[in-house]
């Protein structure tokens, strides 16, 4: 387990030469060929749905999950992930517990949106499954060594990844692509300028951005326009299967929270959208090559995503709602091969 009180370097085994596999090749691979996915999560409601999507996709092989504080505390997140994996018969997937707090700032949480446990109204069956002895940075580095060219999907704050890149700098050359749900180019969802994941640990975002790892950013702007109400979600995931019913039960807390706050019961489903981008980029309606930096000052702008000169980041601008809904139907309703 890891407590984030600092970021001192330490020696690490060299990683394999970087694979040319990039996230956008996934939807076009041959039959019976899967891409290894490493998921880093602060497992709340939409994280859980995103993890289920990855587990159900026939061309994705989830080889490891790392956890950290964010939506709720790290230990609760780890319990959520272990119970979720066990409940769907995937308890063999290793879980690595990571950061209990951001690099510098005090922890923040999103219990109002995700509930006290992070999973809203859902109480998963207890399990004996527990996190591995290795912490998240060690686990991520180990998975990248074992699965060169793996896709890493970051669904929460970037603390674990910042620590990994600091402790194991060669990991950059082993990651095929990094898909990040985070940031806001317009209005944020925590402050006027900042989205939750980046606001929770902006210093970690800065470390990741400066590392040179190839990344795709799925910002709040691209996610907020995809709003599903109860009927639309039911049509997309169905209620004839345990997995479809579970998704609807998970999202019910969000529907009630949004109805109370905004008078409209809907779910934006940011993390499922990021996972969809990582798995099947056909869901992307528009994107551009750009560059971002983090606002680290102690002002009202702290945690804001600042457009910067140059390129190198694939930034998603809009999502094809029909393609996203079709993917949900394929995963949760239609039988998989």
C-alpha atoms as a PDB file:
ATOM      1  CA  UNK A   1       0.000   0.000   0.000  1.00  0.00           C
ATOM      2  CA  UNK A   2       1.221   3.516  -0.670  1.00  0.00           C
ATOM      3  CA  UNK A   3       0.908   6.767   1.216  1.00  0.00           C
ATOM      4  CA  UNK A   4       1.724   9.791  -0.931  1.00  0.00           C
ATOM      5  CA  UNK A   5       3.961  11.906   1.223  1.00  0.00           C
ATOM      6  CA  UNK A   6       6.581  12.502  -1.457  1.00  0.00           C
ATOM      7  CA  UNK A   7       7.954  11.467  -4.805  1.00  0.00           C
ATOM      8  CA  UNK A   8      11.537  10.304  -4.360  1.00  0.00           C
ATOM      9  CA  UNK A   9      13.119   8.450  -7.299  1.00  0.00           C
ATOM     10  CA  UNK A  10      14.164   4.851  -7.057  1.00  0.00           C
ATOM     11  CA  UNK A  11      15.751   2.430  -9.475  1.00  0.00           C
ATOM     12  CA  UNK A  12      13.440   0.223 -11.519  1.00  0.00           C
ATOM     13  CA  UNK A  13      13.963  -2.623 -13.973  1.00  0.00           C
ATOM     14  CA  UNK A  14      14.109  -1.509 -17.628  1.00  0.00           C
ATOM     15  CA  UNK A  15      10.939  -1.914 -19.649  1.00  0.00           C
ATOM     16  CA  UNK A  16      10.627  -3.377 -23.138  1.00  0.00           C
ATOM     17  CA  UNK A  17      10.973  -1.228 -26.239  1.00  0.00           C
ATOM     18  CA  UNK A  18       7.821   0.778 -26.858  1.00  0.00           C
ATOM     19  CA  UNK A  19       5.157  -0.974 -28.901  1.00  0.00           C
ATOM     20  CA  UNK A  20       3.587   0.861 -31.821  1.00  0.00           C
ATOM     21  CA  UNK A  21       0.125  -0.224 -30.671  1.00  0.00           C
ATOM     22  CA  UNK A  22      -2.036   2.861 -30.195  1.00  0.00           C
ATOM     23  CA  UNK A  23      -5.558   3.122 -28.818  1.00  0.00           C
ATOM     24  CA  UNK A  24      -7.088   3.792 -32.225  1.00  0.00           C
ATOM     25  CA  UNK A  25      -6.112   0.353 -33.568  1.00  0.00           C
ATOM     26  CA  UNK A  26      -8.274  -1.528 -31.094  1.00  0.00           C
ATOM     27  CA  UNK A  27     -11.509  -1.563 -33.037  1.00  0.00           C
ATOM     28  CA  UNK A  28      -9.780  -2.983 -36.112  1.00  0.00           C
ATOM     29  CA  UNK A  29      -7.927  -5.972 -34.704  1.00  0.00           C
ATOM     30  CA  UNK A  30      -8.553  -9.489 -35.990  1.00  0.00           C
ATOM     31  CA  UNK A  31     -10.819 -12.085 -34.371  1.00  0.00           C
ATOM     32  CA  UNK A  32      -9.751 -13.578 -31.055  1.00  0.00           C
ATOM     33  CA  UNK A  33      -7.101 -10.882 -30.586  1.00  0.00           C
ATOM     34  CA  UNK A  34      -7.385  -8.840 -27.402  1.00  0.00           C
ATOM     35  CA  UNK A  35      -5.645  -5.707 -26.200  1.00  0.00           C
ATOM     36  CA  UNK A  36      -4.370  -5.625 -22.602  1.00  0.00           C
ATOM     37  CA  UNK A  37      -5.973  -2.862 -20.530  1.00  0.00           C
ATOM     38  CA  UNK A  38      -4.727  -1.506 -17.205  1.00  0.00           C
ATOM     39  CA  UNK A  39      -7.419   0.525 -15.423  1.00  0.00           C
ATOM     40  CA  UNK A  40      -6.587   3.161 -12.807  1.00  0.00           C
ATOM     41  CA  UNK A  41      -9.697   4.147 -10.869  1.00  0.00           C
ATOM     42  CA  UNK A  42     -11.224   5.933  -7.884  1.00  0.00           C
ATOM     43  CA  UNK A  43     -14.147   3.561  -8.340  1.00  0.00           C
ATOM     44  CA  UNK A  44     -17.394   5.428  -8.048  1.00  0.00           C
ATOM     45  CA  UNK A  45     -20.609   4.781  -9.936  1.00  0.00           C
ATOM     46  CA  UNK A  46     -19.527   5.613 -13.472  1.00  0.00           C
ATOM     47  CA  UNK A  47     -16.115   3.990 -12.892  1.00  0.00           C
ATOM     48  CA  UNK A  48     -17.890   0.736 -12.058  1.00  0.00           C
ATOM     49  CA  UNK A  49     -19.897   0.922 -15.275  1.00  0.00           C
ATOM     50  CA  UNK A  50     -16.716   1.627 -17.262  1.00  0.00           C
ATOM     51  CA  UNK A  51     -14.958  -1.363 -15.684  1.00  0.00           C
ATOM     52  CA  UNK A  52     -17.919  -3.592 -16.561  1.00  0.00           C
ATOM     53  CA  UNK A  53     -17.725  -2.362 -20.161  1.00  0.00           C
ATOM     54  CA  UNK A  54     -14.069  -3.347 -20.394  1.00  0.00           C
ATOM     55  CA  UNK A  55     -14.739  -6.758 -18.860  1.00  0.00           C
ATOM     56  CA  UNK A  56     -17.515  -7.419 -21.382  1.00  0.00           C
ATOM     57  CA  UNK A  57     -15.687  -6.286 -24.522  1.00  0.00           C
ATOM     58  CA  UNK A  58     -14.486  -9.307 -26.520  1.00  0.00           C
ATOM     59  CA  UNK A  59     -11.335  -7.525 -27.729  1.00  0.00           C
ATOM     60  CA  UNK A  60     -10.234  -6.204 -24.332  1.00  0.00           C
ATOM     61  CA  UNK A  61      -8.247  -8.123 -21.741  1.00  0.00           C
ATOM     62  CA  UNK A  62      -8.274  -6.343 -18.376  1.00  0.00           C
ATOM     63  CA  UNK A  63      -4.938  -7.420 -16.890  1.00  0.00           C
ATOM     64  CA  UNK A  64      -4.902  -5.240 -13.780  1.00  0.00           C
ATOM     65  CA  UNK A  65      -6.745  -2.539 -11.847  1.00  0.00           C
ATOM     66  CA  UNK A  66      -5.122   0.065  -9.606  1.00  0.00           C
ATOM     67  CA  UNK A  67      -7.016   2.135  -7.052  1.00  0.00           C
ATOM     68  CA  UNK A  68      -6.654   5.511  -5.375  1.00  0.00           C
ATOM     69  CA  UNK A  69      -8.620   8.051  -3.391  1.00  0.00           C
ATOM     70  CA  UNK A  70     -10.890  10.386  -5.295  1.00  0.00           C
ATOM     71  CA  UNK A  71     -14.635   9.891  -5.402  1.00  0.00           C
ATOM     72  CA  UNK A  72     -14.266   8.153  -2.024  1.00  0.00           C
ATOM     73  CA  UNK A  73     -11.321   7.058   0.135  1.00  0.00           C
ATOM     74  CA  UNK A  74      -8.740   4.639  -1.275  1.00  0.00           C
ATOM     75  CA  UNK A  75      -9.655   1.698   0.973  1.00  0.00           C
ATOM     76  CA  UNK A  76     -13.330   1.997   0.029  1.00  0.00           C
ATOM     77  CA  UNK A  77     -12.379   2.236  -3.642  1.00  0.00           C
ATOM     78  CA  UNK A  78     -10.278  -0.923  -3.321  1.00  0.00           C
ATOM     79  CA  UNK A  79     -13.170  -2.749  -1.666  1.00  0.00           C
ATOM     80  CA  UNK A  80     -15.512  -1.598  -4.440  1.00  0.00           C
ATOM     81  CA  UNK A  81     -13.205  -2.910  -7.153  1.00  0.00           C
ATOM     82  CA  UNK A  82     -12.576  -6.247  -5.440  1.00  0.00           C
ATOM     83  CA  UNK A  83     -16.286  -6.814  -4.841  1.00  0.00           C
ATOM     84  CA  UNK A  84     -17.182  -5.769  -8.382  1.00  0.00           C
ATOM     85  CA  UNK A  85     -14.640  -8.108  -9.973  1.00  0.00           C
ATOM     86  CA  UNK A  86     -15.657 -10.995  -7.718  1.00  0.00           C
ATOM     87  CA  UNK A  87     -19.368 -10.426  -8.366  1.00  0.00           C
ATOM     88  CA  UNK A  88     -18.913 -10.918 -12.115  1.00  0.00           C
ATOM     89  CA  UNK A  89     -16.565 -13.879 -11.816  1.00  0.00           C
ATOM     90  CA  UNK A  90     -13.338 -12.009 -12.575  1.00  0.00           C
ATOM     91  CA  UNK A  91     -11.671 -12.264  -9.205  1.00  0.00           C
ATOM     92  CA  UNK A  92      -8.439 -13.433 -10.821  1.00  0.00           C
ATOM     93  CA  UNK A  93      -7.660  -9.903 -12.049  1.00  0.00           C
ATOM     94  CA  UNK A  94      -5.032  -8.362  -9.747  1.00  0.00           C
ATOM     95  CA  UNK A  95      -5.916  -5.188  -7.850  1.00  0.00           C
ATOM     96  CA  UNK A  96      -3.194  -2.810  -6.662  1.00  0.00           C
ATOM     97  CA  UNK A  97      -4.048  -0.284  -3.937  1.00  0.00           C
ATOM     98  CA  UNK A  98      -2.449   3.098  -4.495  1.00  0.00           C
ATOM     99  CA  UNK A  99      -2.486   6.679  -3.308  1.00  0.00           C
ATOM    100  CA  UNK A 100      -4.490   7.621  -0.228  1.00  0.00           C
ATOM    101  CA  UNK A 101      -4.185  11.340  -0.961  1.00  0.00           C
ATOM    102  CA  UNK A 102      -3.009  13.779  -3.645  1.00  0.00           C
ATOM    103  CA  UNK A 103       0.659  14.710  -4.008  1.00  0.00           C
ATOM    104  CA  UNK A 104       0.335  18.082  -2.244  1.00  0.00           C
ATOM    105  CA  UNK A 105      -3.209  19.200  -1.519  1.00  0.00           C
ATOM    106  CA  UNK A 106      -5.732  17.852   0.961  1.00  0.00           C
ATOM    107  CA  UNK A 107      -8.009  15.098  -0.386  1.00  0.00           C
ATOM    108  CA  UNK A 108     -11.361  15.947  -1.935  1.00  0.00           C
ATOM    109  CA  UNK A 109     -14.267  13.571  -2.506  1.00  0.00           C
ATOM    110  CA  UNK A 110     -17.454  13.297  -4.538  1.00  0.00           C
ATOM    111  CA  UNK A 111     -19.701  11.441  -2.099  1.00  0.00           C
ATOM    112  CA  UNK A 112     -22.613  13.721  -2.913  1.00  0.00           C
ATOM    113  CA  UNK A 113     -22.619  12.341  -6.461  1.00  0.00           C
ATOM    114  CA  UNK A 114     -21.505   8.767  -5.747  1.00  0.00           C
ATOM    115  CA  UNK A 115     -22.864   8.113  -2.252  1.00  0.00           C
ATOM    116  CA  UNK A 116     -21.017   7.233   0.974  1.00  0.00           C
ATOM    117  CA  UNK A 117     -19.497   4.035  -0.445  1.00  0.00           C
ATOM    118  CA  UNK A 118     -19.018   5.328  -3.977  1.00  0.00           C
ATOM    119  CA  UNK A 119     -21.546   2.902  -5.464  1.00  0.00           C
ATOM    120  CA  UNK A 120     -24.762   4.744  -4.674  1.00  0.00           C
ATOM    121  CA  UNK A 121     -27.603   2.424  -3.700  1.00  0.00           C
ATOM    122  CA  UNK A 122     -25.747  -0.753  -4.684  1.00  0.00           C
ATOM    123  CA  UNK A 123     -24.352  -3.101  -2.058  1.00  0.00           C
ATOM    124  CA  UNK A 124     -22.228  -5.780  -3.707  1.00  0.00           C
ATOM    125  CA  UNK A 125     -21.678  -9.178  -2.071  1.00  0.00           C
ATOM    126  CA  UNK A 126     -18.733  -9.319   0.315  1.00  0.00           C
ATOM    127  CA  UNK A 127     -15.663 -11.113  -0.987  1.00  0.00           C
ATOM    128  CA  UNK A 128     -12.415 -12.518   0.323  1.00  0.00           C
ATOM    129  CA  UNK A 129     -10.600 -10.981  -2.634  1.00  0.00           C
ATOM    130  CA  UNK A 130      -8.086  -8.363  -1.534  1.00  0.00           C
ATOM    131  CA  UNK A 131      -5.480  -6.106  -3.072  1.00  0.00           C
ATOM    132  CA  UNK A 132      -2.068  -7.475  -3.966  1.00  0.00           C
ATOM    133  CA  UNK A 133       0.904  -6.839  -1.687  1.00  0.00           C
ATOM    134  CA  UNK A 134       2.488  -4.593  -4.330  1.00  0.00           C
ATOM    135  CA  UNK A 135       1.345  -0.967  -4.369  1.00  0.00           C
ATOM    136  CA  UNK A 136      -0.174   0.693  -7.429  1.00  0.00           C
ATOM    137  CA  UNK A 137       2.986   2.194  -8.986  1.00  0.00           C
ATOM    138  CA  UNK A 138       4.783  -1.135  -8.653  1.00  0.00           C
ATOM    139  CA  UNK A 139       1.750  -2.991  -9.982  1.00  0.00           C
ATOM    140  CA  UNK A 140       1.295  -0.685 -12.964  1.00  0.00           C
ATOM    141  CA  UNK A 141       4.983  -0.990 -13.857  1.00  0.00           C
ATOM    142  CA  UNK A 142       4.785  -4.766 -13.487  1.00  0.00           C
ATOM    143  CA  UNK A 143       1.769  -4.991 -15.784  1.00  0.00           C
ATOM    144  CA  UNK A 144       3.402  -2.773 -18.408  1.00  0.00           C
ATOM    145  CA  UNK A 145       6.508  -4.969 -18.351  1.00  0.00           C
ATOM    146  CA  UNK A 146       4.396  -8.086 -18.724  1.00  0.00           C
ATOM    147  CA  UNK A 147       2.097  -6.580 -21.381  1.00  0.00           C
ATOM    148  CA  UNK A 148       4.142  -4.130 -23.477  1.00  0.00           C
ATOM    149  CA  UNK A 149       1.947  -1.833 -25.530  1.00  0.00           C
ATOM    150  CA  UNK A 150      -0.911  -2.046 -23.033  1.00  0.00           C
ATOM    151  CA  UNK A 151      -3.586   0.628 -22.993  1.00  0.00           C
ATOM    152  CA  UNK A 152      -3.821   2.444 -19.665  1.00  0.00           C
ATOM    153  CA  UNK A 153      -7.206   4.012 -18.893  1.00  0.00           C
ATOM    154  CA  UNK A 154      -7.206   6.618 -16.106  1.00  0.00           C
ATOM    155  CA  UNK A 155     -10.682   7.173 -14.651  1.00  0.00           C
ATOM    156  CA  UNK A 156      -9.747   9.177 -11.547  1.00  0.00           C
ATOM    157  CA  UNK A 157      -7.111  11.635 -10.330  1.00  0.00           C
ATOM    158  CA  UNK A 158      -3.659  11.007 -11.809  1.00  0.00           C
ATOM    159  CA  UNK A 159      -1.756  10.526  -8.539  1.00  0.00           C
ATOM    160  CA  UNK A 160      -0.936   6.858  -9.142  1.00  0.00           C
ATOM    161  CA  UNK A 161       0.301   7.527 -12.651  1.00  0.00           C
ATOM    162  CA  UNK A 162       2.439  10.472 -11.552  1.00  0.00           C
ATOM    163  CA  UNK A 163       4.059   8.310  -8.886  1.00  0.00           C
ATOM    164  CA  UNK A 164       4.572   5.484 -11.371  1.00  0.00           C
ATOM    165  CA  UNK A 165       6.258   7.754 -13.895  1.00  0.00           C
ATOM    166  CA  UNK A 166       8.490   9.212 -11.186  1.00  0.00           C
ATOM    167  CA  UNK A 167       9.470   5.898  -9.596  1.00  0.00           C
ATOM    168  CA  UNK A 168       9.649   3.943 -12.857  1.00  0.00           C
ATOM    169  CA  UNK A 169      10.476   6.487 -15.605  1.00  0.00           C
ATOM    170  CA  UNK A 170      11.019   3.753 -18.205  1.00  0.00           C
ATOM    171  CA  UNK A 171       7.316   2.899 -18.004  1.00  0.00           C
ATOM    172  CA  UNK A 172       6.693   5.648 -20.581  1.00  0.00           C
ATOM    173  CA  UNK A 173       8.276   3.496 -23.284  1.00  0.00           C
ATOM    174  CA  UNK A 174       6.109   0.499 -22.425  1.00  0.00           C
ATOM    175  CA  UNK A 175       2.659   2.122 -22.536  1.00  0.00           C
ATOM    176  CA  UNK A 176       0.906   1.805 -25.882  1.00  0.00           C
ATOM    177  CA  UNK A 177      -1.446   4.663 -25.092  1.00  0.00           C
ATOM    178  CA  UNK A 178      -2.929   6.445 -22.120  1.00  0.00           C
ATOM    179  CA  UNK A 179      -6.591   7.462 -22.207  1.00  0.00           C
ATOM    180  CA  UNK A 180      -7.478  10.004 -19.529  1.00  0.00           C
ATOM    181  CA  UNK A 181     -10.918  11.112 -18.400  1.00  0.00           C
ATOM    182  CA  UNK A 182     -10.268  14.570 -17.045  1.00  0.00           C
ATOM    183  CA  UNK A 183      -9.985  18.275 -17.567  1.00  0.00           C
ATOM    184  CA  UNK A 184     -12.308  20.925 -18.923  1.00  0.00           C
ATOM    185  CA  UNK A 185     -11.633  23.373 -21.730  1.00  0.00           C
ATOM    186  CA  UNK A 186     -14.790  25.276 -20.874  1.00  0.00           C
ATOM    187  CA  UNK A 187     -16.799  25.207 -17.653  1.00  0.00           C
ATOM    188  CA  UNK A 188     -15.714  22.675 -15.042  1.00  0.00           C
ATOM    189  CA  UNK A 189     -17.885  20.509 -12.824  1.00  0.00           C
ATOM    190  CA  UNK A 190     -16.235  21.348  -9.477  1.00  0.00           C
ATOM    191  CA  UNK A 191     -15.326  24.986  -9.974  1.00  0.00           C
ATOM    192  CA  UNK A 192     -16.056  27.289 -12.874  1.00  0.00           C
ATOM    193  CA  UNK A 193     -12.739  26.307 -14.439  1.00  0.00           C
ATOM    194  CA  UNK A 194     -11.845  22.834 -13.152  1.00  0.00           C
ATOM    195  CA  UNK A 195     -13.073  19.274 -13.648  1.00  0.00           C
ATOM    196  CA  UNK A 196     -12.997  16.953 -10.613  1.00  0.00           C
ATOM    197  CA  UNK A 197     -10.203  14.523 -11.576  1.00  0.00           C
ATOM    198  CA  UNK A 198      -7.749  17.269 -12.498  1.00  0.00           C
ATOM    199  CA  UNK A 199      -8.835  19.520  -9.621  1.00  0.00           C
ATOM    200  CA  UNK A 200      -8.252  16.673  -7.151  1.00  0.00           C
ATOM    201  CA  UNK A 201      -4.518  16.530  -7.947  1.00  0.00           C
ATOM    202  CA  UNK A 202      -3.328  19.118 -10.484  1.00  0.00           C
ATOM    203  CA  UNK A 203       0.340  18.536  -9.633  1.00  0.00           C
ATOM    204  CA  UNK A 204      -0.051  14.890 -10.639  1.00  0.00           C
ATOM    205  CA  UNK A 205      -1.614  15.935 -13.942  1.00  0.00           C
ATOM    206  CA  UNK A 206       1.357  18.208 -14.569  1.00  0.00           C
ATOM    207  CA  UNK A 207       3.781  15.310 -14.000  1.00  0.00           C
ATOM    208  CA  UNK A 208       1.883  13.078 -16.428  1.00  0.00           C
ATOM    209  CA  UNK A 209       1.582  15.780 -19.092  1.00  0.00           C
ATOM    210  CA  UNK A 210       5.311  16.482 -18.982  1.00  0.00           C
ATOM    211  CA  UNK A 211       6.286  12.798 -19.114  1.00  0.00           C
ATOM    212  CA  UNK A 212       5.898  12.390 -22.856  1.00  0.00           C
ATOM    213  CA  UNK A 213       3.581   9.381 -22.653  1.00  0.00           C
ATOM    214  CA  UNK A 214       1.189   9.333 -25.654  1.00  0.00           C
ATOM    215  CA  UNK A 215      -2.206  10.327 -24.320  1.00  0.00           C
ATOM    216  CA  UNK A 216      -5.780  10.895 -25.341  1.00  0.00           C
ATOM    217  CA  UNK A 217      -7.737  13.360 -23.214  1.00  0.00           C
ATOM    218  CA  UNK A 218     -11.495  12.913 -22.826  1.00  0.00           C
ATOM    219  CA  UNK A 219     -12.475  16.179 -21.105  1.00  0.00           C
ATOM    220  CA  UNK A 220     -15.660  17.028 -19.282  1.00  0.00           C
ATOM    221  CA  UNK A 221     -16.751  19.167 -22.243  1.00  0.00           C
ATOM    222  CA  UNK A 222     -17.031  16.079 -24.477  1.00  0.00           C
ATOM    223  CA  UNK A 223     -18.838  14.063 -21.797  1.00  0.00           C
ATOM    224  CA  UNK A 224     -21.397  16.546 -20.530  1.00  0.00           C
ATOM    225  CA  UNK A 225     -23.377  16.598 -23.781  1.00  0.00           C
ATOM    226  CA  UNK A 226     -24.065  12.842 -23.524  1.00  0.00           C
ATOM    227  CA  UNK A 227     -26.877  12.816 -20.983  1.00  0.00           C
ATOM    228  CA  UNK A 228     -28.967   9.691 -20.607  1.00  0.00           C
ATOM    229  CA  UNK A 229     -32.216   9.681 -18.641  1.00  0.00           C
ATOM    230  CA  UNK A 230     -33.687   6.540 -17.078  1.00  0.00           C
ATOM    231  CA  UNK A 231     -35.541   5.475 -20.214  1.00  0.00           C
ATOM    232  CA  UNK A 232     -32.552   6.035 -22.504  1.00  0.00           C
ATOM    233  CA  UNK A 233     -30.247   4.135 -20.162  1.00  0.00           C
ATOM    234  CA  UNK A 234     -32.709   1.243 -19.921  1.00  0.00           C
ATOM    235  CA  UNK A 235     -32.885   1.082 -23.710  1.00  0.00           C
ATOM    236  CA  UNK A 236     -29.083   1.065 -23.931  1.00  0.00           C
ATOM    237  CA  UNK A 237     -28.244  -1.551 -21.291  1.00  0.00           C
ATOM    238  CA  UNK A 238     -31.508  -3.481 -20.909  1.00  0.00           C
ATOM    239  CA  UNK A 239     -32.851  -5.138 -17.790  1.00  0.00           C
ATOM    240  CA  UNK A 240     -32.930  -8.738 -18.986  1.00  0.00           C
ATOM    241  CA  UNK A 241     -29.443  -9.478 -17.653  1.00  0.00           C
ATOM    242  CA  UNK A 242     -27.725  -9.072 -14.308  1.00  0.00           C
ATOM    243  CA  UNK A 243     -25.175  -6.708 -15.838  1.00  0.00           C
ATOM    244  CA  UNK A 244     -27.812  -4.433 -17.364  1.00  0.00           C
ATOM    245  CA  UNK A 245     -29.802  -4.365 -14.140  1.00  0.00           C
ATOM    246  CA  UNK A 246     -26.627  -3.589 -12.181  1.00  0.00           C
ATOM    247  CA  UNK A 247     -25.846  -0.580 -14.383  1.00  0.00           C
ATOM    248  CA  UNK A 248     -29.329   0.837 -13.835  1.00  0.00           C
ATOM    249  CA  UNK A 249     -29.126   0.285 -10.082  1.00  0.00           C
ATOM    250  CA  UNK A 250     -25.748   2.006  -9.976  1.00  0.00           C
ATOM    251  CA  UNK A 251     -26.956   5.032 -11.928  1.00  0.00           C
ATOM    252  CA  UNK A 252     -30.155   5.462  -9.888  1.00  0.00           C
ATOM    253  CA  UNK A 253     -28.235   7.377  -7.201  1.00  0.00           C
ATOM    254  CA  UNK A 254     -26.930   9.772  -9.872  1.00  0.00           C
ATOM    255  CA  UNK A 255     -30.405  10.258 -11.326  1.00  0.00           C
ATOM    256  CA  UNK A 256     -31.734  11.221  -7.897  1.00  0.00           C
ATOM    257  CA  UNK A 257     -28.756  13.487  -7.155  1.00  0.00           C
ATOM    258  CA  UNK A 258     -29.133  15.335 -10.475  1.00  0.00           C
ATOM    259  CA  UNK A 259     -32.881  15.673 -10.004  1.00  0.00           C
ATOM    260  CA  UNK A 260     -32.311  17.175  -6.564  1.00  0.00           C
ATOM    261  CA  UNK A 261     -29.577  19.560  -7.739  1.00  0.00           C
ATOM    262  CA  UNK A 262     -30.766  20.499 -11.230  1.00  0.00           C
ATOM    263  CA  UNK A 263     -34.353  19.311 -11.435  1.00  0.00           C
ATOM    264  CA  UNK A 264     -33.464  16.866 -14.233  1.00  0.00           C
ATOM    265  CA  UNK A 265     -32.747  13.158 -13.645  1.00  0.00           C
ATOM    266  CA  UNK A 266     -29.873  12.308 -15.973  1.00  0.00           C
ATOM    267  CA  UNK A 267     -26.440  10.687 -15.956  1.00  0.00           C
ATOM    268  CA  UNK A 268     -23.479  12.151 -17.862  1.00  0.00           C
ATOM    269  CA  UNK A 269     -21.486   8.867 -17.652  1.00  0.00           C
ATOM    270  CA  UNK A 270     -18.054  10.433 -18.113  1.00  0.00           C
ATOM    271  CA  UNK A 271     -15.969   7.352 -17.296  1.00  0.00           C
ATOM    272  CA  UNK A 272     -17.968   5.013 -19.560  1.00  0.00           C
ATOM    273  CA  UNK A 273     -17.413   7.510 -22.370  1.00  0.00           C
ATOM    274  CA  UNK A 274     -13.658   7.504 -21.736  1.00  0.00           C
ATOM    275  CA  UNK A 275     -13.665   3.709 -21.724  1.00  0.00           C
ATOM    276  CA  UNK A 276     -15.644   3.694 -24.970  1.00  0.00           C
ATOM    277  CA  UNK A 277     -13.044   5.988 -26.547  1.00  0.00           C
ATOM    278  CA  UNK A 278     -10.285   3.629 -25.431  1.00  0.00           C
ATOM    279  CA  UNK A 279     -12.068   0.533 -26.752  1.00  0.00           C
ATOM    280  CA  UNK A 280     -13.841   1.751 -29.891  1.00  0.00           C
ATOM    281  CA  UNK A 281     -12.823   5.195 -31.155  1.00  0.00           C
ATOM    282  CA  UNK A 282     -15.721   5.165 -33.616  1.00  0.00           C
ATOM    283  CA  UNK A 283     -17.637   6.829 -30.767  1.00  0.00           C
ATOM    284  CA  UNK A 284     -15.535   9.977 -31.284  1.00  0.00           C
ATOM    285  CA  UNK A 285     -17.426  12.568 -33.333  1.00  0.00           C
ATOM    286  CA  UNK A 286     -14.665  15.194 -33.290  1.00  0.00           C
ATOM    287  CA  UNK A 287     -11.151  15.538 -31.901  1.00  0.00           C
ATOM    288  CA  UNK A 288      -8.012  17.600 -32.428  1.00  0.00           C
ATOM    289  CA  UNK A 289      -4.286  17.496 -31.853  1.00  0.00           C
ATOM    290  CA  UNK A 290      -3.405  19.887 -29.055  1.00  0.00           C
ATOM    291  CA  UNK A 291      -1.438  20.513 -25.908  1.00  0.00           C
ATOM    292  CA  UNK A 292      -2.561  21.271 -22.366  1.00  0.00           C
ATOM    293  CA  UNK A 293      -0.921  22.502 -19.196  1.00  0.00           C
ATOM    294  CA  UNK A 294      -2.282  22.677 -15.661  1.00  0.00           C
ATOM    295  CA  UNK A 295      -2.927  25.828 -13.654  1.00  0.00           C
ATOM    296  CA  UNK A 296      -1.141  25.142 -10.357  1.00  0.00           C
ATOM    297  CA  UNK A 297      -1.488  28.529  -8.687  1.00  0.00           C
ATOM    298  CA  UNK A 298      -3.537  28.908  -5.523  1.00  0.00           C
ATOM    299  CA  UNK A 299      -6.229  30.956  -7.240  1.00  0.00           C
ATOM    300  CA  UNK A 300      -9.768  30.386  -8.465  1.00  0.00           C
ATOM    301  CA  UNK A 301      -8.156  28.981 -11.630  1.00  0.00           C
ATOM    302  CA  UNK A 302      -6.358  26.154  -9.786  1.00  0.00           C
ATOM    303  CA  UNK A 303      -6.847  22.844 -11.573  1.00  0.00           C
ATOM    304  CA  UNK A 304      -7.880  24.482 -14.841  1.00  0.00           C
ATOM    305  CA  UNK A 305      -6.756  22.958 -18.141  1.00  0.00           C
ATOM    306  CA  UNK A 306      -4.864  25.619 -20.088  1.00  0.00           C
ATOM    307  CA  UNK A 307      -4.442  25.397 -23.856  1.00  0.00           C
ATOM    308  CA  UNK A 308      -0.729  25.468 -24.712  1.00  0.00           C
ATOM    309  CA  UNK A 309       1.369  25.859 -27.830  1.00  0.00           C
ATOM    310  CA  UNK A 310       2.169  22.749 -29.826  1.00  0.00           C
ATOM    311  CA  UNK A 311       0.496  19.370 -30.103  1.00  0.00           C
ATOM    312  CA  UNK A 312       1.016  15.771 -29.154  1.00  0.00           C
ATOM    313  CA  UNK A 313      -2.210  15.164 -27.229  1.00  0.00           C
ATOM    314  CA  UNK A 314      -5.310  13.771 -28.886  1.00  0.00           C
ATOM    315  CA  UNK A 315      -8.108  15.824 -27.335  1.00  0.00           C
ATOM    316  CA  UNK A 316     -11.679  14.608 -27.806  1.00  0.00           C
ATOM    317  CA  UNK A 317     -14.148  17.383 -28.622  1.00  0.00           C
ATOM    318  CA  UNK A 318     -17.430  15.532 -29.142  1.00  0.00           C
ATOM    319  CA  UNK A 319     -18.964  12.069 -28.825  1.00  0.00           C
ATOM    320  CA  UNK A 320     -21.297  10.339 -31.278  1.00  0.00           C
ATOM    321  CA  UNK A 321     -24.231   9.611 -28.971  1.00  0.00           C
ATOM    322  CA  UNK A 322     -25.741   7.003 -31.291  1.00  0.00           C
ATOM    323  CA  UNK A 323     -22.430   5.132 -31.551  1.00  0.00           C
ATOM    324  CA  UNK A 324     -21.973   5.251 -27.778  1.00  0.00           C
ATOM    325  CA  UNK A 325     -25.491   3.919 -27.160  1.00  0.00           C
ATOM    326  CA  UNK A 326     -24.905   1.214 -29.772  1.00  0.00           C
ATOM    327  CA  UNK A 327     -21.742   0.131 -27.965  1.00  0.00           C
ATOM    328  CA  UNK A 328     -23.623  -0.092 -24.665  1.00  0.00           C
ATOM    329  CA  UNK A 329     -26.266  -2.257 -26.330  1.00  0.00           C
ATOM    330  CA  UNK A 330     -23.598  -4.515 -27.825  1.00  0.00           C
ATOM    331  CA  UNK A 331     -21.949  -5.005 -24.448  1.00  0.00           C
ATOM    332  CA  UNK A 332     -24.933  -5.217 -22.104  1.00  0.00           C
ATOM    333  CA  UNK A 333     -27.779  -6.600 -24.229  1.00  0.00           C
ATOM    334  CA  UNK A 334     -26.470  -8.500 -27.246  1.00  0.00           C
ATOM    335  CA  UNK A 335     -24.743 -11.850 -26.647  1.00  0.00           C
ATOM    336  CA  UNK A 336     -20.953 -11.726 -26.860  1.00  0.00           C
ATOM    337  CA  UNK A 337     -18.917 -14.227 -28.805  1.00  0.00           C
END
